[in-house]
N, C-alpha and C. Protein backbone atom coordinates (compact mmCIF):
# COMPACT_ATOMS: atom_id res chain seq x y z
N MET A 1 0.84 -1.19 0.02
CA MET A 1 0.05 -0.01 0.00
C MET A 1 0.91 1.23 -0.07
N ASP A 2 0.63 2.17 -0.89
CA ASP A 2 1.45 3.36 -0.99
C ASP A 2 1.09 4.20 0.21
N LYS A 3 2.20 5.12 0.63
CA LYS A 3 1.99 5.96 1.77
C LYS A 3 1.33 7.25 1.32
N LEU A 4 0.32 7.77 1.95
CA LEU A 4 -0.16 9.13 1.74
C LEU A 4 0.09 10.02 2.91
N ASP A 5 0.37 11.29 2.70
CA ASP A 5 0.48 12.18 3.87
C ASP A 5 -0.82 12.43 4.49
N LYS A 6 -0.69 12.93 5.65
CA LYS A 6 -1.94 13.30 6.54
C LYS A 6 -2.99 14.12 5.65
N ASP A 7 -2.42 15.19 5.15
CA ASP A 7 -3.32 16.15 4.18
C ASP A 7 -4.11 15.35 3.25
N SER A 8 -3.39 14.42 2.58
CA SER A 8 -4.07 13.81 1.48
C SER A 8 -5.15 12.81 2.05
N VAL A 9 -4.81 12.09 3.14
CA VAL A 9 -5.77 11.32 3.84
C VAL A 9 -6.99 12.05 4.29
N ILE A 10 -6.76 13.24 4.85
CA ILE A 10 -7.89 14.11 5.37
C ILE A 10 -8.80 14.54 4.12
N GLY A 11 -8.09 14.92 3.07
CA GLY A 11 -8.90 15.23 1.78
C GLY A 11 -9.68 14.17 1.22
N ILE A 12 -9.12 12.90 1.12
CA ILE A 12 -9.79 11.79 0.63
C ILE A 12 -10.87 11.42 1.57
N THR A 13 -10.69 11.56 2.92
CA THR A 13 -11.65 11.21 3.93
C THR A 13 -12.90 12.25 3.66
N ALA A 14 -12.66 13.48 3.44
CA ALA A 14 -13.66 14.44 3.20
C ALA A 14 -14.50 13.97 2.01
N LEU A 15 -13.84 13.50 1.03
CA LEU A 15 -14.53 13.13 -0.16
C LEU A 15 -15.39 11.92 0.15
N LEU A 16 -14.92 11.07 0.98
CA LEU A 16 -15.70 9.81 1.35
C LEU A 16 -16.94 10.12 2.26
N VAL A 17 -16.73 11.11 3.13
CA VAL A 17 -17.86 11.68 3.90
C VAL A 17 -18.80 12.34 2.96
N HIS A 18 -18.40 13.02 1.97
CA HIS A 18 -19.30 13.68 1.03
C HIS A 18 -20.07 12.63 0.26
N ALA A 19 -19.44 11.60 -0.19
CA ALA A 19 -20.13 10.41 -0.93
C ALA A 19 -21.13 9.81 0.13
N ALA A 20 -20.83 9.60 1.34
CA ALA A 20 -21.67 8.93 2.44
C ALA A 20 -22.88 9.91 2.59
N ASN A 21 -22.78 11.16 2.35
CA ASN A 21 -23.91 12.12 2.71
C ASN A 21 -24.77 12.28 1.53
N ILE A 22 -24.41 11.80 0.37
CA ILE A 22 -25.22 12.08 -0.82
C ILE A 22 -26.73 11.73 -0.65
N ASP A 23 -26.96 10.58 0.01
CA ASP A 23 -28.34 9.99 0.23
C ASP A 23 -29.00 10.61 1.47
N GLU A 24 -28.21 11.50 2.11
CA GLU A 24 -28.71 12.26 3.31
C GLU A 24 -28.70 11.30 4.50
N ILE A 25 -28.24 10.06 4.41
CA ILE A 25 -28.19 9.15 5.54
C ILE A 25 -26.65 8.81 5.70
N TYR A 26 -26.06 9.40 6.86
CA TYR A 26 -24.68 9.30 7.06
C TYR A 26 -24.67 8.26 8.32
N SER A 27 -24.64 7.01 8.03
CA SER A 27 -24.83 6.07 9.09
C SER A 27 -23.40 5.69 9.87
N GLU A 28 -23.66 5.07 11.01
CA GLU A 28 -22.40 4.69 11.84
C GLU A 28 -21.64 3.65 11.07
N HIS A 29 -22.29 2.92 10.25
CA HIS A 29 -21.61 1.85 9.46
C HIS A 29 -20.75 2.56 8.41
N GLU A 30 -21.15 3.59 7.86
CA GLU A 30 -20.43 4.32 6.86
C GLU A 30 -19.16 5.05 7.57
N LYS A 31 -19.41 5.47 8.70
CA LYS A 31 -18.36 6.22 9.47
C LYS A 31 -17.33 5.08 9.86
N ASP A 32 -17.68 3.91 10.23
CA ASP A 32 -16.83 2.90 10.66
C ASP A 32 -15.92 2.45 9.44
N LEU A 33 -16.58 2.40 8.21
CA LEU A 33 -15.83 2.00 7.03
C LEU A 33 -14.77 3.22 6.77
N ILE A 34 -15.12 4.48 6.84
CA ILE A 34 -14.23 5.57 6.58
C ILE A 34 -13.12 5.42 7.64
N LYS A 35 -13.39 5.12 8.91
CA LYS A 35 -12.26 4.99 10.04
C LYS A 35 -11.32 3.93 9.54
N ILE A 36 -11.82 2.78 8.98
CA ILE A 36 -10.94 1.69 8.54
C ILE A 36 -9.91 2.33 7.47
N PHE A 37 -10.49 3.09 6.56
CA PHE A 37 -9.58 3.64 5.52
C PHE A 37 -8.64 4.57 6.21
N ILE A 38 -8.99 5.38 7.17
CA ILE A 38 -7.99 6.35 7.79
C ILE A 38 -6.93 5.49 8.42
N LYS A 39 -7.35 4.51 9.28
CA LYS A 39 -6.37 3.63 9.99
C LYS A 39 -5.50 2.93 9.03
N SER A 40 -5.98 2.51 7.85
CA SER A 40 -4.97 1.79 6.97
C SER A 40 -3.85 2.68 6.40
N TYR A 41 -4.02 4.07 6.48
CA TYR A 41 -2.95 4.96 5.91
C TYR A 41 -2.22 5.73 7.07
N LEU A 42 -3.00 5.95 8.29
CA LEU A 42 -2.44 6.63 9.25
C LEU A 42 -2.51 5.94 10.60
N LYS A 43 -1.75 4.86 10.74
CA LYS A 43 -1.85 3.94 11.86
C LYS A 43 -1.59 4.59 13.16
N ASP A 44 -0.86 5.65 13.22
CA ASP A 44 -0.52 6.26 14.51
C ASP A 44 -1.42 7.60 14.77
N SER A 45 -2.36 7.73 14.00
CA SER A 45 -3.25 8.95 14.13
C SER A 45 -4.56 8.49 14.85
N ASN A 46 -5.21 9.43 15.39
CA ASN A 46 -6.59 9.26 15.97
C ASN A 46 -7.52 9.48 14.87
N GLU A 47 -8.12 8.32 14.49
CA GLU A 47 -9.09 8.32 13.31
C GLU A 47 -10.38 9.12 13.55
N ASN A 48 -10.66 9.23 14.91
CA ASN A 48 -11.82 10.12 15.26
C ASN A 48 -11.52 11.50 14.90
N GLN A 49 -10.39 12.01 15.28
CA GLN A 49 -9.96 13.45 15.14
C GLN A 49 -9.89 13.65 13.60
N ILE A 50 -9.38 12.78 12.74
CA ILE A 50 -9.16 12.93 11.39
C ILE A 50 -10.56 12.92 10.75
N LEU A 51 -11.56 12.11 11.16
CA LEU A 51 -12.80 12.06 10.66
C LEU A 51 -13.52 13.41 10.88
N GLU A 52 -13.47 13.93 12.15
CA GLU A 52 -14.09 15.15 12.57
C GLU A 52 -13.57 16.19 11.62
N LYS A 53 -12.29 16.39 11.45
CA LYS A 53 -11.78 17.32 10.47
C LYS A 53 -12.27 17.27 9.16
N ALA A 54 -12.38 16.10 8.58
CA ALA A 54 -12.84 15.79 7.23
C ALA A 54 -14.20 16.25 7.26
N GLU A 55 -15.03 15.99 8.26
CA GLU A 55 -16.48 16.28 8.23
C GLU A 55 -16.62 17.91 8.10
N GLU A 56 -15.77 18.59 8.83
CA GLU A 56 -15.79 19.98 8.79
C GLU A 56 -15.41 20.53 7.39
N ILE A 57 -14.43 19.94 6.75
CA ILE A 57 -14.12 20.30 5.42
C ILE A 57 -15.15 19.99 4.47
N GLU A 58 -15.87 18.81 4.62
CA GLU A 58 -17.00 18.53 3.71
C GLU A 58 -18.05 19.53 3.73
N LYS A 59 -18.22 20.13 4.84
CA LYS A 59 -19.35 21.17 4.98
C LYS A 59 -18.99 22.38 4.16
N ASN A 60 -17.80 22.62 3.88
CA ASN A 60 -17.37 23.73 3.10
C ASN A 60 -16.91 23.30 1.66
N SER A 61 -17.84 23.44 0.81
CA SER A 61 -17.63 22.99 -0.49
C SER A 61 -16.36 23.52 -1.30
N ASN A 62 -16.02 24.71 -0.87
CA ASN A 62 -14.82 25.26 -1.53
C ASN A 62 -13.61 24.48 -1.07
N GLN A 63 -13.47 24.11 0.12
CA GLN A 63 -12.36 23.36 0.61
C GLN A 63 -12.32 21.96 -0.04
N LEU A 64 -13.61 21.48 -0.14
CA LEU A 64 -13.78 20.10 -0.76
C LEU A 64 -13.21 20.11 -2.21
N LEU A 65 -13.54 21.17 -2.86
CA LEU A 65 -13.04 21.22 -4.37
C LEU A 65 -11.54 21.29 -4.39
N ASN A 66 -10.90 21.98 -3.52
CA ASN A 66 -9.40 22.07 -3.47
C ASN A 66 -8.89 20.63 -3.40
N TYR A 67 -9.46 19.76 -2.44
CA TYR A 67 -8.96 18.47 -2.37
C TYR A 67 -9.14 17.59 -3.61
N THR A 68 -10.32 17.76 -4.22
CA THR A 68 -10.46 17.01 -5.48
C THR A 68 -9.45 17.26 -6.50
N ASN A 69 -9.07 18.48 -6.63
CA ASN A 69 -8.05 18.95 -7.58
C ASN A 69 -6.65 18.38 -7.24
N ILE A 70 -6.31 18.46 -5.87
CA ILE A 70 -5.15 17.77 -5.53
C ILE A 70 -5.12 16.25 -5.85
N ILE A 71 -6.17 15.52 -5.61
CA ILE A 71 -6.25 14.17 -5.76
C ILE A 71 -6.11 13.93 -7.29
N LYS A 72 -6.79 14.68 -8.12
CA LYS A 72 -6.72 14.52 -9.54
C LYS A 72 -5.36 14.67 -10.10
N GLU A 73 -4.59 15.66 -9.57
CA GLU A 73 -3.20 15.82 -9.85
C GLU A 73 -2.24 14.77 -9.61
N ASN A 74 -2.60 13.99 -8.53
CA ASN A 74 -1.80 12.93 -8.15
C ASN A 74 -2.18 11.54 -8.59
């Protein structure tokens, strides 16, 4: 598995949160799956803090767009 930096993981997590929210049902199961993604790349980080930061980013569509552009470039 390739290594991603923390900012990239946060950005991808924000996109996952956005995808989970599309149907307006953001379930605990979806959150658990997203936390598994976070842990797979950032083993030494607190996945709850990363998820909370990503949820804040997801609320701001301008920030979310910045992350989609970074991901596209890489």
